[in-house]
Amino acid sequence: MFLALLAVFLTLAVAPSVPPHEEVARMARFVVHKCDWASMATISTHEPVRGQPFSNTFSISDGLAGNGTGTPYLYLTHMEISVQDLQVNPQASLSVSLAQTHYCKNHGFDPQSPLCAHIILSGSVLQVNDSEASVAKAALFGRHPEMIDWPTDHNWFFARFNITQVWVLDYFGGVKTVTPEEYYSAAPLRTHAGEPVSTS
């Protein structure tokens, strides 16, 4: 019993914590890596909302837990209504929030509170080539194992969200922006003994 409790304590003691809000790019990478799904907005091609923003939920992964690349990957089918929008206009935005994790609830933060960090990615959705597809497959199937059994007649394909701008709301004072270069150069996870408990 003692050894089990000690193992839990040591895991928490070195678990990656939420980055300080001053480290904007690192916060963006952290939230994207921690989130398993996103709300993606496209420009609708369907009546009666043609030409209007249309938001839908998608499973995402930027890599296996603790080994994120920063690039959100998706597993898509052309049968999906938002994917049909993307065929006409690949531009989209992707929103992720720490409200998915236990962090905000444990701290009493409403999902809309700026203290419950959320990230909006602007860019486009692109089908990946064969070499990158293996990376996307490992990232997605590792985090979403039920995808392996999704119907083969849906002609699923792997895609990535090509980031052109990052918007971060993680503290009071308004939204902050991060360039893709700043975003990808940030290290999302750091472990230090004695840091606050992680979001996991």
N, C-alpha and C. Protein backbone atom coordinates (compact mmCIF):
# COMPACT_ATOMS: atom_id res chain seq x y z
N MET A 1 0.84 -1.20 0.00
CA MET A 1 0.00 0.00 0.00
C MET A 1 0.88 1.25 0.00
N PHE A 2 1.90 1.25 0.86
CA PHE A 2 2.81 2.40 0.95
C PHE A 2 3.50 2.65 -0.39
N LEU A 3 3.95 1.56 -1.03
CA LEU A 3 4.65 1.70 -2.30
C LEU A 3 3.72 2.25 -3.38
N ALA A 4 2.45 1.85 -3.35
CA ALA A 4 1.49 2.35 -4.33
C ALA A 4 1.26 3.84 -4.15
N LEU A 5 1.11 4.28 -2.89
CA LEU A 5 0.93 5.69 -2.61
C LEU A 5 2.17 6.50 -2.98
N LEU A 6 3.34 5.92 -2.73
CA LEU A 6 4.58 6.60 -3.08
C LEU A 6 4.69 6.78 -4.59
N ALA A 7 4.29 5.76 -5.34
CA ALA A 7 4.34 5.85 -6.80
C ALA A 7 3.43 6.95 -7.31
N VAL A 8 2.23 7.06 -6.74
CA VAL A 8 1.30 8.13 -7.13
C VAL A 8 1.89 9.49 -6.82
N PHE A 9 2.46 9.63 -5.63
CA PHE A 9 3.07 10.91 -5.23
C PHE A 9 4.19 11.30 -6.16
N LEU A 10 5.06 10.36 -6.49
CA LEU A 10 6.19 10.66 -7.37
C LEU A 10 5.72 11.04 -8.76
N THR A 11 4.66 10.38 -9.24
CA THR A 11 4.11 10.70 -10.55
C THR A 11 3.60 12.13 -10.59
N LEU A 12 2.87 12.53 -9.54
CA LEU A 12 2.34 13.89 -9.47
C LEU A 12 3.45 14.90 -9.28
N ALA A 13 4.48 14.53 -8.54
CA ALA A 13 5.56 15.47 -8.22
C ALA A 13 6.34 15.87 -9.46
N VAL A 14 6.44 14.97 -10.43
CA VAL A 14 7.22 15.29 -11.62
C VAL A 14 6.35 15.47 -12.86
N ALA A 15 5.01 15.48 -12.67
CA ALA A 15 4.11 15.62 -13.81
C ALA A 15 4.19 17.02 -14.39
N PRO A 16 4.06 17.13 -15.70
CA PRO A 16 4.11 18.46 -16.31
C PRO A 16 2.94 19.32 -15.88
N SER A 17 3.21 20.55 -15.47
CA SER A 17 2.16 21.44 -15.02
C SER A 17 1.80 22.43 -16.11
N VAL A 18 0.68 23.12 -15.92
CA VAL A 18 0.26 24.15 -16.86
C VAL A 18 1.32 25.24 -16.88
N PRO A 19 1.79 25.62 -18.06
CA PRO A 19 2.83 26.65 -18.14
C PRO A 19 2.34 27.99 -17.59
N PRO A 20 3.24 28.84 -17.15
CA PRO A 20 2.85 30.19 -16.72
C PRO A 20 2.31 30.98 -17.90
N HIS A 21 1.34 31.86 -17.64
CA HIS A 21 0.67 32.54 -18.74
C HIS A 21 1.60 33.46 -19.52
N GLU A 22 2.74 33.81 -18.92
CA GLU A 22 3.70 34.66 -19.65
C GLU A 22 4.36 33.91 -20.82
N GLU A 23 4.39 32.60 -20.74
CA GLU A 23 5.00 31.79 -21.79
C GLU A 23 3.92 31.37 -22.79
N VAL A 24 3.55 32.33 -23.63
CA VAL A 24 2.37 32.19 -24.47
C VAL A 24 2.49 31.04 -25.46
N ALA A 25 3.61 30.96 -26.16
CA ALA A 25 3.77 29.91 -27.16
C ALA A 25 3.77 28.53 -26.51
N ARG A 26 4.43 28.44 -25.37
CA ARG A 26 4.47 27.16 -24.66
C ARG A 26 3.08 26.77 -24.18
N MET A 27 2.29 27.75 -23.72
CA MET A 27 0.92 27.47 -23.31
C MET A 27 0.12 26.92 -24.49
N ALA A 28 0.28 27.53 -25.65
CA ALA A 28 -0.45 27.06 -26.83
C ALA A 28 -0.11 25.61 -27.14
N ARG A 29 1.18 25.29 -27.15
CA ARG A 29 1.61 23.92 -27.43
C ARG A 29 1.05 22.96 -26.37
N PHE A 30 1.08 23.38 -25.11
CA PHE A 30 0.63 22.54 -24.01
C PHE A 30 -0.86 22.19 -24.17
N VAL A 31 -1.68 23.21 -24.44
CA VAL A 31 -3.12 22.98 -24.54
C VAL A 31 -3.44 22.10 -25.75
N VAL A 32 -2.82 22.37 -26.88
CA VAL A 32 -3.07 21.55 -28.07
C VAL A 32 -2.70 20.09 -27.80
N HIS A 33 -1.59 19.87 -27.10
CA HIS A 33 -1.17 18.50 -26.83
C HIS A 33 -2.10 17.81 -25.84
N LYS A 34 -2.62 18.55 -24.88
CA LYS A 34 -3.48 17.94 -23.86
C LYS A 34 -4.87 17.60 -24.37
N CYS A 35 -5.30 18.24 -25.46
CA CYS A 35 -6.67 18.08 -25.91
C CYS A 35 -6.82 16.94 -26.90
N ASP A 36 -7.90 16.18 -26.75
CA ASP A 36 -8.19 15.04 -27.61
C ASP A 36 -9.21 15.37 -28.70
N TRP A 37 -9.87 16.53 -28.57
CA TRP A 37 -10.84 16.91 -29.59
C TRP A 37 -10.86 18.42 -29.73
N ALA A 38 -11.42 18.86 -30.84
CA ALA A 38 -11.46 20.29 -31.13
C ALA A 38 -12.77 20.64 -31.81
N SER A 39 -13.15 21.90 -31.71
CA SER A 39 -14.26 22.43 -32.47
C SER A 39 -13.67 23.09 -33.71
N MET A 40 -14.05 22.60 -34.88
CA MET A 40 -13.52 23.15 -36.12
C MET A 40 -14.61 23.91 -36.87
N ALA A 41 -14.30 25.16 -37.21
CA ALA A 41 -15.23 25.99 -37.96
C ALA A 41 -14.80 26.07 -39.42
N THR A 42 -15.73 25.81 -40.30
CA THR A 42 -15.52 25.92 -41.74
C THR A 42 -16.53 26.92 -42.30
N ILE A 43 -16.37 27.29 -43.56
CA ILE A 43 -17.38 28.10 -44.24
C ILE A 43 -18.32 27.14 -44.96
N SER A 44 -19.57 27.15 -44.56
CA SER A 44 -20.52 26.15 -45.03
C SER A 44 -20.80 26.26 -46.53
N THR A 45 -20.92 25.10 -47.15
CA THR A 45 -21.34 25.02 -48.55
C THR A 45 -22.75 24.45 -48.67
N HIS A 46 -23.42 24.31 -47.52
CA HIS A 46 -24.71 23.63 -47.49
C HIS A 46 -25.84 24.61 -47.16
N GLU A 47 -26.93 24.48 -47.86
CA GLU A 47 -28.13 25.26 -47.55
C GLU A 47 -28.77 24.71 -46.28
N PRO A 48 -29.37 25.55 -45.45
CA PRO A 48 -29.64 26.98 -45.66
C PRO A 48 -28.59 27.90 -45.02
N VAL A 49 -27.39 27.37 -44.73
CA VAL A 49 -26.38 28.20 -44.08
C VAL A 49 -25.16 28.41 -44.98
N ARG A 50 -25.34 28.28 -46.27
CA ARG A 50 -24.23 28.45 -47.22
C ARG A 50 -23.55 29.80 -47.01
N GLY A 51 -22.22 29.78 -46.93
CA GLY A 51 -21.45 31.00 -46.77
C GLY A 51 -21.29 31.46 -45.33
N GLN A 52 -21.92 30.75 -44.39
CA GLN A 52 -21.84 31.12 -42.99
C GLN A 52 -20.87 30.19 -42.24
N PRO A 53 -20.34 30.66 -41.10
CA PRO A 53 -19.47 29.78 -40.30
C PRO A 53 -20.26 28.57 -39.82
N PHE A 54 -19.60 27.43 -39.82
CA PHE A 54 -20.24 26.18 -39.40
C PHE A 54 -19.25 25.43 -38.52
N SER A 55 -19.61 25.19 -37.27
CA SER A 55 -18.70 24.56 -36.31
C SER A 55 -19.09 23.11 -36.06
N ASN A 56 -18.08 22.26 -35.95
CA ASN A 56 -18.30 20.83 -35.78
C ASN A 56 -17.18 20.26 -34.91
N THR A 57 -17.42 19.13 -34.30
CA THR A 57 -16.45 18.52 -33.39
C THR A 57 -15.66 17.42 -34.08
N PHE A 58 -14.32 17.44 -33.84
CA PHE A 58 -13.44 16.43 -34.43
C PHE A 58 -12.42 15.95 -33.41
N SER A 59 -12.11 14.67 -33.47
CA SER A 59 -11.02 14.13 -32.67
C SER A 59 -9.71 14.57 -33.29
N ILE A 60 -8.75 14.93 -32.43
CA ILE A 60 -7.44 15.37 -32.92
C ILE A 60 -6.34 14.69 -32.11
N SER A 61 -5.13 14.77 -32.61
CA SER A 61 -3.96 14.33 -31.87
C SER A 61 -2.74 14.96 -32.50
N ASP A 62 -1.86 15.49 -31.66
CA ASP A 62 -0.58 15.99 -32.19
C ASP A 62 0.55 15.03 -31.86
N GLY A 63 0.18 13.83 -31.39
CA GLY A 63 1.18 12.83 -31.04
C GLY A 63 0.78 12.08 -29.79
N LEU A 64 1.49 11.03 -29.49
CA LEU A 64 1.21 10.26 -28.28
C LEU A 64 1.46 11.12 -27.05
N ALA A 65 0.79 10.78 -25.96
CA ALA A 65 0.89 11.55 -24.73
C ALA A 65 2.36 11.72 -24.32
N GLY A 66 2.74 12.98 -24.10
CA GLY A 66 4.10 13.29 -23.70
C GLY A 66 5.06 13.46 -24.86
N ASN A 67 4.56 13.29 -26.09
CA ASN A 67 5.45 13.35 -27.26
C ASN A 67 4.75 14.08 -28.41
N GLY A 68 4.27 15.28 -28.12
CA GLY A 68 3.52 16.03 -29.12
C GLY A 68 4.41 16.74 -30.12
N THR A 69 3.92 16.84 -31.37
CA THR A 69 4.64 17.54 -32.42
C THR A 69 4.15 18.97 -32.59
N GLY A 70 2.96 19.27 -32.05
CA GLY A 70 2.35 20.57 -32.25
C GLY A 70 1.39 20.60 -33.42
N THR A 71 1.51 19.66 -34.34
CA THR A 71 0.64 19.61 -35.52
C THR A 71 -0.60 18.77 -35.21
N PRO A 72 -1.79 19.36 -35.24
CA PRO A 72 -3.01 18.57 -35.01
C PRO A 72 -3.33 17.73 -36.25
N TYR A 73 -3.47 16.43 -36.03
CA TYR A 73 -3.86 15.52 -37.10
C TYR A 73 -5.32 15.13 -36.93
N LEU A 74 -5.99 14.84 -38.05
CA LEU A 74 -7.39 14.45 -38.05
C LEU A 74 -7.57 13.23 -38.96
N TYR A 75 -8.61 12.46 -38.68
CA TYR A 75 -8.96 11.29 -39.47
C TYR A 75 -10.33 11.59 -40.08
N LEU A 76 -10.39 11.77 -41.39
CA LEU A 76 -11.57 12.34 -42.02
C LEU A 76 -12.12 11.46 -43.13
N THR A 77 -13.37 11.73 -43.47
CA THR A 77 -14.03 11.09 -44.60
C THR A 77 -14.77 12.17 -45.39
N HIS A 78 -14.81 12.01 -46.72
CA HIS A 78 -15.51 12.97 -47.55
C HIS A 78 -17.02 12.89 -47.36
N MET A 79 -17.49 11.89 -46.63
CA MET A 79 -18.91 11.79 -46.32
C MET A 79 -19.32 12.80 -45.25
N GLU A 80 -18.36 13.34 -44.52
CA GLU A 80 -18.63 14.24 -43.41
C GLU A 80 -18.94 15.64 -43.94
N ILE A 81 -19.94 16.29 -43.36
CA ILE A 81 -20.45 17.56 -43.88
C ILE A 81 -19.39 18.66 -43.85
N SER A 82 -18.59 18.74 -42.80
CA SER A 82 -17.56 19.77 -42.73
C SER A 82 -16.42 19.51 -43.72
N VAL A 83 -16.13 18.25 -43.96
CA VAL A 83 -15.10 17.90 -44.93
C VAL A 83 -15.54 18.31 -46.33
N GLN A 84 -16.82 18.21 -46.61
CA GLN A 84 -17.34 18.69 -47.88
C GLN A 84 -17.14 20.20 -48.02
N ASP A 85 -17.26 20.93 -46.91
CA ASP A 85 -16.95 22.36 -46.93
C ASP A 85 -15.48 22.58 -47.27
N LEU A 86 -14.61 21.78 -46.65
CA LEU A 86 -13.17 21.93 -46.85
C LEU A 86 -12.76 21.63 -48.29
N GLN A 87 -13.50 20.80 -48.97
CA GLN A 87 -13.18 20.51 -50.37
C GLN A 87 -13.35 21.75 -51.25
N VAL A 88 -14.24 22.63 -50.86
CA VAL A 88 -14.47 23.87 -51.59
C VAL A 88 -13.53 24.97 -51.09
N ASN A 89 -13.36 25.04 -49.77
CA ASN A 89 -12.48 26.05 -49.15
C ASN A 89 -11.77 25.40 -47.97
N PRO A 90 -10.48 25.11 -48.08
CA PRO A 90 -9.78 24.39 -47.01
C PRO A 90 -9.48 25.25 -45.78
N GLN A 91 -9.80 26.55 -45.85
CA GLN A 91 -9.55 27.41 -44.70
C GLN A 91 -10.49 27.05 -43.54
N ALA A 92 -9.94 27.08 -42.32
CA ALA A 92 -10.73 26.70 -41.15
C ALA A 92 -10.08 27.28 -39.90
N SER A 93 -10.79 27.19 -38.81
CA SER A 93 -10.20 27.50 -37.51
C SER A 93 -10.50 26.34 -36.57
N LEU A 94 -9.59 26.12 -35.64
CA LEU A 94 -9.66 24.98 -34.73
C LEU A 94 -9.54 25.52 -33.30
N SER A 95 -10.52 25.20 -32.45
CA SER A 95 -10.52 25.68 -31.07
C SER A 95 -10.37 24.52 -30.10
N VAL A 96 -9.44 24.67 -29.15
CA VAL A 96 -9.23 23.67 -28.10
C VAL A 96 -9.16 24.37 -26.75
N SER A 97 -9.57 23.67 -25.70
CA SER A 97 -9.65 24.29 -24.39
C SER A 97 -9.26 23.31 -23.29
N LEU A 98 -8.61 23.84 -22.26
CA LEU A 98 -8.29 22.99 -21.10
C LEU A 98 -9.54 22.57 -20.33
N ALA A 99 -10.70 23.08 -20.73
CA ALA A 99 -11.95 22.62 -20.13
C ALA A 99 -12.16 21.13 -20.40
N GLN A 100 -11.47 20.59 -21.41
CA GLN A 100 -11.53 19.15 -21.67
C GLN A 100 -10.89 18.34 -20.54
N THR A 101 -9.96 18.93 -19.86
CA THR A 101 -9.21 18.23 -18.82
C THR A 101 -9.85 18.47 -17.46
N HIS A 102 -9.25 17.93 -16.41
CA HIS A 102 -9.75 18.16 -15.06
C HIS A 102 -9.30 19.50 -14.51
N TYR A 103 -8.38 20.16 -15.18
CA TYR A 103 -7.75 21.36 -14.62
C TYR A 103 -8.75 22.46 -14.28
N CYS A 104 -9.58 22.83 -15.22
CA CYS A 104 -10.49 23.96 -14.99
C CYS A 104 -11.52 23.64 -13.91
N LYS A 105 -12.08 22.46 -13.97
CA LYS A 105 -13.07 22.07 -12.96
C LYS A 105 -12.43 22.02 -11.57
N ASN A 106 -11.23 21.46 -11.48
CA ASN A 106 -10.56 21.35 -10.18
C ASN A 106 -10.23 22.72 -9.59
N HIS A 107 -10.02 23.72 -10.46
CA HIS A 107 -9.70 25.06 -9.99
C HIS A 107 -10.92 25.99 -9.93
N GLY A 108 -12.09 25.46 -10.27
CA GLY A 108 -13.31 26.26 -10.23
C GLY A 108 -13.40 27.28 -11.34
N PHE A 109 -12.72 27.02 -12.49
CA PHE A 109 -12.74 27.95 -13.61
C PHE A 109 -13.85 27.56 -14.58
N ASP A 110 -14.72 28.50 -14.91
CA ASP A 110 -15.71 28.27 -15.95
C ASP A 110 -14.98 28.13 -17.29
N PRO A 111 -15.48 27.29 -18.21
CA PRO A 111 -14.81 27.14 -19.50
C PRO A 111 -14.60 28.46 -20.26
N GLN A 112 -15.45 29.45 -20.00
CA GLN A 112 -15.31 30.74 -20.68
C GLN A 112 -14.30 31.66 -19.99
N SER A 113 -13.91 31.32 -18.77
CA SER A 113 -12.95 32.15 -18.05
C SER A 113 -11.61 32.14 -18.76
N PRO A 114 -10.94 33.29 -18.85
CA PRO A 114 -9.61 33.30 -19.47
C PRO A 114 -8.60 32.46 -18.70
N LEU A 115 -8.88 32.15 -17.44
CA LEU A 115 -7.97 31.31 -16.67
C LEU A 115 -8.06 29.84 -17.08
N CYS A 116 -9.15 29.50 -17.77
CA CYS A 116 -9.29 28.17 -18.35
C CYS A 116 -8.79 28.27 -19.79
N ALA A 117 -7.50 28.11 -19.96
CA ALA A 117 -6.84 28.45 -21.22
C ALA A 117 -7.48 27.79 -22.43
N HIS A 118 -7.69 28.61 -23.45
CA HIS A 118 -8.13 28.05 -24.72
C HIS A 118 -7.38 28.70 -25.86
N ILE A 119 -7.23 27.90 -26.92
CA ILE A 119 -6.39 28.23 -28.06
C ILE A 119 -7.24 28.16 -29.32
N ILE A 120 -7.06 29.12 -30.21
CA ILE A 120 -7.71 29.10 -31.52
C ILE A 120 -6.62 29.10 -32.58
N LEU A 121 -6.64 28.11 -33.43
CA LEU A 121 -5.68 28.00 -34.52
C LEU A 121 -6.36 28.40 -35.82
N SER A 122 -5.73 29.29 -36.57
CA SER A 122 -6.21 29.64 -37.90
C SER A 122 -5.33 28.94 -38.93
N GLY A 123 -5.94 28.53 -40.03
CA GLY A 123 -5.15 27.87 -41.06
C GLY A 123 -6.01 27.11 -42.04
N SER A 124 -5.52 25.97 -42.46
CA SER A 124 -6.23 25.16 -43.44
C SER A 124 -6.03 23.68 -43.14
N VAL A 125 -6.91 22.87 -43.68
CA VAL A 125 -6.85 21.42 -43.48
C VAL A 125 -6.37 20.78 -44.78
N LEU A 126 -5.30 20.01 -44.70
CA LEU A 126 -4.68 19.41 -45.88
C LEU A 126 -4.52 17.91 -45.70
N GLN A 127 -4.88 17.14 -46.71
CA GLN A 127 -4.63 15.70 -46.68
C GLN A 127 -3.14 15.48 -46.75
N VAL A 128 -2.63 14.55 -45.94
CA VAL A 128 -1.19 14.33 -45.88
C VAL A 128 -0.77 13.27 -46.90
N ASN A 129 0.53 13.29 -47.25
CA ASN A 129 1.05 12.30 -48.18
C ASN A 129 1.33 10.99 -47.43
N ASP A 130 1.78 9.99 -48.16
CA ASP A 130 1.94 8.66 -47.58
C ASP A 130 2.92 8.63 -46.42
N SER A 131 4.04 9.34 -46.55
CA SER A 131 5.04 9.30 -45.48
C SER A 131 4.52 9.96 -44.21
N GLU A 132 3.81 11.08 -44.35
CA GLU A 132 3.27 11.75 -43.16
C GLU A 132 2.05 11.02 -42.63
N ALA A 133 1.38 10.25 -43.49
CA ALA A 133 0.20 9.51 -43.05
C ALA A 133 0.56 8.52 -41.94
N SER A 134 1.74 7.93 -42.01
CA SER A 134 2.14 6.98 -40.97
C SER A 134 2.33 7.70 -39.64
N VAL A 135 2.81 8.93 -39.68
CA VAL A 135 2.95 9.73 -38.45
C VAL A 135 1.57 10.07 -37.90
N ALA A 136 0.68 10.50 -38.79
CA ALA A 136 -0.68 10.85 -38.37
C ALA A 136 -1.41 9.63 -37.81
N LYS A 137 -1.23 8.49 -38.45
CA LYS A 137 -1.90 7.26 -37.99
C LYS A 137 -1.45 6.89 -36.59
N ALA A 138 -0.16 6.93 -36.33
CA ALA A 138 0.35 6.60 -35.00
C ALA A 138 -0.18 7.58 -33.96
N ALA A 139 -0.21 8.87 -34.32
CA ALA A 139 -0.69 9.89 -33.39
C ALA A 139 -2.16 9.70 -33.06
N LEU A 140 -2.98 9.49 -34.09
CA LEU A 140 -4.42 9.41 -33.88
C LEU A 140 -4.86 8.08 -33.29
N PHE A 141 -4.37 6.96 -33.84
CA PHE A 141 -4.79 5.66 -33.33
C PHE A 141 -4.27 5.42 -31.91
N GLY A 142 -3.14 6.05 -31.57
CA GLY A 142 -2.62 5.91 -30.22
C GLY A 142 -3.48 6.61 -29.18
N ARG A 143 -4.10 7.70 -29.58
CA ARG A 143 -4.96 8.47 -28.65
C ARG A 143 -6.43 8.10 -28.79
N HIS A 144 -6.82 7.59 -29.96
CA HIS A 144 -8.23 7.26 -30.25
C HIS A 144 -8.30 5.85 -30.83
N PRO A 145 -8.08 4.82 -30.02
CA PRO A 145 -7.98 3.45 -30.55
C PRO A 145 -9.23 2.95 -31.25
N GLU A 146 -10.39 3.50 -30.95
CA GLU A 146 -11.60 3.00 -31.62
C GLU A 146 -11.60 3.34 -33.11
N MET A 147 -10.78 4.31 -33.52
CA MET A 147 -10.69 4.66 -34.94
C MET A 147 -10.28 3.46 -35.80
N ILE A 148 -9.53 2.56 -35.21
CA ILE A 148 -9.05 1.39 -35.95
C ILE A 148 -10.21 0.60 -36.54
N ASP A 149 -11.35 0.60 -35.85
CA ASP A 149 -12.50 -0.21 -36.25
C ASP A 149 -13.58 0.58 -36.97
N TRP A 150 -13.31 1.83 -37.34
CA TRP A 150 -14.31 2.61 -38.07
C TRP A 150 -14.53 2.00 -39.45
N PRO A 151 -15.74 2.13 -40.01
CA PRO A 151 -16.10 1.43 -41.26
C PRO A 151 -15.14 1.75 -42.42
N THR A 152 -14.60 0.73 -43.03
CA THR A 152 -13.63 0.92 -44.11
C THR A 152 -14.27 1.50 -45.37
N ASP A 153 -15.59 1.31 -45.55
CA ASP A 153 -16.24 1.81 -46.76
C ASP A 153 -16.45 3.33 -46.73
N HIS A 154 -16.01 3.98 -45.63
CA HIS A 154 -16.10 5.44 -45.56
C HIS A 154 -14.89 6.13 -46.19
N ASN A 155 -13.91 5.31 -46.61
CA ASN A 155 -12.71 5.86 -47.27
C ASN A 155 -12.03 6.95 -46.43
N TRP A 156 -11.68 6.60 -45.23
CA TRP A 156 -11.03 7.54 -44.32
C TRP A 156 -9.66 7.94 -44.85
N PHE A 157 -9.26 9.15 -44.51
CA PHE A 157 -7.92 9.62 -44.86
C PHE A 157 -7.38 10.50 -43.74
N PHE A 158 -6.08 10.63 -43.70
CA PHE A 158 -5.42 11.43 -42.66
C PHE A 158 -5.15 12.84 -43.18
N ALA A 159 -5.33 13.80 -42.30
CA ALA A 159 -5.12 15.20 -42.66
C ALA A 159 -4.44 15.91 -41.49
N ARG A 160 -3.83 17.03 -41.81
CA ARG A 160 -3.24 17.85 -40.76
C ARG A 160 -3.81 19.25 -40.84
N PHE A 161 -3.80 19.91 -39.69
CA PHE A 161 -4.20 21.31 -39.67
C PHE A 161 -2.94 22.15 -39.89
N ASN A 162 -2.89 22.85 -41.01
CA ASN A 162 -1.74 23.67 -41.36
C ASN A 162 -1.90 25.04 -40.71
N ILE A 163 -1.13 25.30 -39.67
CA ILE A 163 -1.31 26.48 -38.83
C ILE A 163 -0.68 27.72 -39.47
N THR A 164 -1.48 28.80 -39.58
CA THR A 164 -0.95 30.07 -40.06
C THR A 164 -0.95 31.15 -38.97
N GLN A 165 -1.75 30.95 -37.92
CA GLN A 165 -1.79 31.91 -36.81
C GLN A 165 -2.31 31.20 -35.57
N VAL A 166 -1.80 31.60 -34.42
CA VAL A 166 -2.22 31.02 -33.14
C VAL A 166 -2.73 32.13 -32.25
N TRP A 167 -3.91 31.94 -31.70
CA TRP A 167 -4.53 32.90 -30.79
C TRP A 167 -4.63 32.24 -29.42
N VAL A 168 -4.19 32.93 -28.38
CA VAL A 168 -4.13 32.36 -27.03
C VAL A 168 -4.90 33.24 -26.06
N LEU A 169 -5.83 32.63 -25.34
CA LEU A 169 -6.53 33.32 -24.25
C LEU A 169 -6.33 32.47 -23.00
N ASP A 170 -5.41 32.90 -22.15
CA ASP A 170 -5.08 32.10 -20.97
C ASP A 170 -4.95 32.96 -19.71
N TYR A 171 -5.30 34.26 -19.83
CA TYR A 171 -5.19 35.15 -18.68
C TYR A 171 -5.97 36.42 -19.00
N PHE A 172 -6.12 37.28 -18.01
CA PHE A 172 -6.82 38.53 -18.21
C PHE A 172 -5.99 39.48 -19.09
N GLY A 173 -6.67 40.37 -19.79
CA GLY A 173 -5.97 41.35 -20.61
C GLY A 173 -6.14 41.15 -22.09
N GLY A 174 -6.93 40.18 -22.49
CA GLY A 174 -7.21 39.99 -23.90
C GLY A 174 -6.40 38.89 -24.56
N VAL A 175 -6.74 38.63 -25.81
CA VAL A 175 -6.12 37.56 -26.56
C VAL A 175 -4.70 37.95 -26.97
N LYS A 176 -3.83 36.95 -27.02
CA LYS A 176 -2.45 37.14 -27.47
C LYS A 176 -2.24 36.27 -28.71
N THR A 177 -1.34 36.72 -29.58
CA THR A 177 -1.07 35.96 -30.79
C THR A 177 0.35 35.42 -30.79
N VAL A 178 0.50 34.29 -31.46
CA VAL A 178 1.78 33.60 -31.57
C VAL A 178 1.96 33.21 -33.03
N THR A 179 3.14 33.41 -33.57
CA THR A 179 3.39 32.97 -34.95
C THR A 179 3.61 31.46 -34.97
N PRO A 180 3.41 30.83 -36.12
CA PRO A 180 3.70 29.40 -36.21
C PRO A 180 5.14 29.07 -35.82
N GLU A 181 6.09 29.94 -36.16
CA GLU A 181 7.49 29.70 -35.81
C GLU A 181 7.69 29.69 -34.30
N GLU A 182 7.07 30.66 -33.62
CA GLU A 182 7.15 30.71 -32.16
C GLU A 182 6.48 29.49 -31.54
N TYR A 183 5.35 29.12 -32.11
CA TYR A 183 4.58 27.98 -31.60
C TYR A 183 5.40 26.69 -31.69
N TYR A 184 5.97 26.42 -32.85
CA TYR A 184 6.67 25.16 -33.03
C TYR A 184 8.02 25.11 -32.31
N SER A 185 8.58 26.26 -32.00
CA SER A 185 9.87 26.26 -31.30
C SER A 185 9.72 26.14 -29.78
N ALA A 186 8.49 26.24 -29.28
CA ALA A 186 8.25 26.16 -27.84
C ALA A 186 8.24 24.71 -27.37
N ALA A 187 8.72 24.48 -26.16
CA ALA A 187 8.69 23.15 -25.54
C ALA A 187 7.45 23.08 -24.65
N PRO A 188 6.46 22.27 -25.01
CA PRO A 188 5.20 22.29 -24.27
C PRO A 188 5.26 21.69 -22.88
N LEU A 189 6.11 20.70 -22.69
CA LEU A 189 6.12 19.97 -21.43
C LEU A 189 7.48 20.09 -20.74
N ARG A 190 7.45 20.48 -19.49
CA ARG A 190 8.64 20.45 -18.65
C ARG A 190 8.24 19.83 -17.34
N THR A 191 9.11 19.04 -16.77
CA THR A 191 8.82 18.41 -15.47
C THR A 191 9.81 18.87 -14.45
N HIS A 192 9.28 19.36 -13.34
CA HIS A 192 10.10 19.81 -12.24
C HIS A 192 9.48 19.30 -10.92
N ALA A 193 10.25 18.68 -10.11
CA ALA A 193 9.74 18.20 -8.82
C ALA A 193 9.17 19.38 -8.05
N GLY A 194 7.98 19.19 -7.49
CA GLY A 194 7.36 20.22 -6.67
C GLY A 194 6.47 21.16 -7.46
N GLU A 195 6.37 21.00 -8.80
CA GLU A 195 5.47 21.84 -9.58
C GLU A 195 4.02 21.46 -9.26
N PRO A 196 3.07 22.35 -9.57
CA PRO A 196 1.66 22.04 -9.33
C PRO A 196 1.23 20.77 -10.06
N VAL A 197 0.13 20.19 -9.61
CA VAL A 197 -0.37 18.97 -10.20
C VAL A 197 -0.75 19.24 -11.64
N SER A 198 -0.52 18.27 -12.51
CA SER A 198 -0.80 18.43 -13.95
C SER A 198 -2.29 18.37 -14.22
N THR A 199 -2.65 18.58 -15.48
CA THR A 199 -4.05 18.51 -15.89
C THR A 199 -4.53 17.09 -16.09
N SER A 200 -3.62 16.13 -16.06
CA SER A 200 -4.03 14.75 -16.34
C SER A 200 -4.66 14.12 -15.11
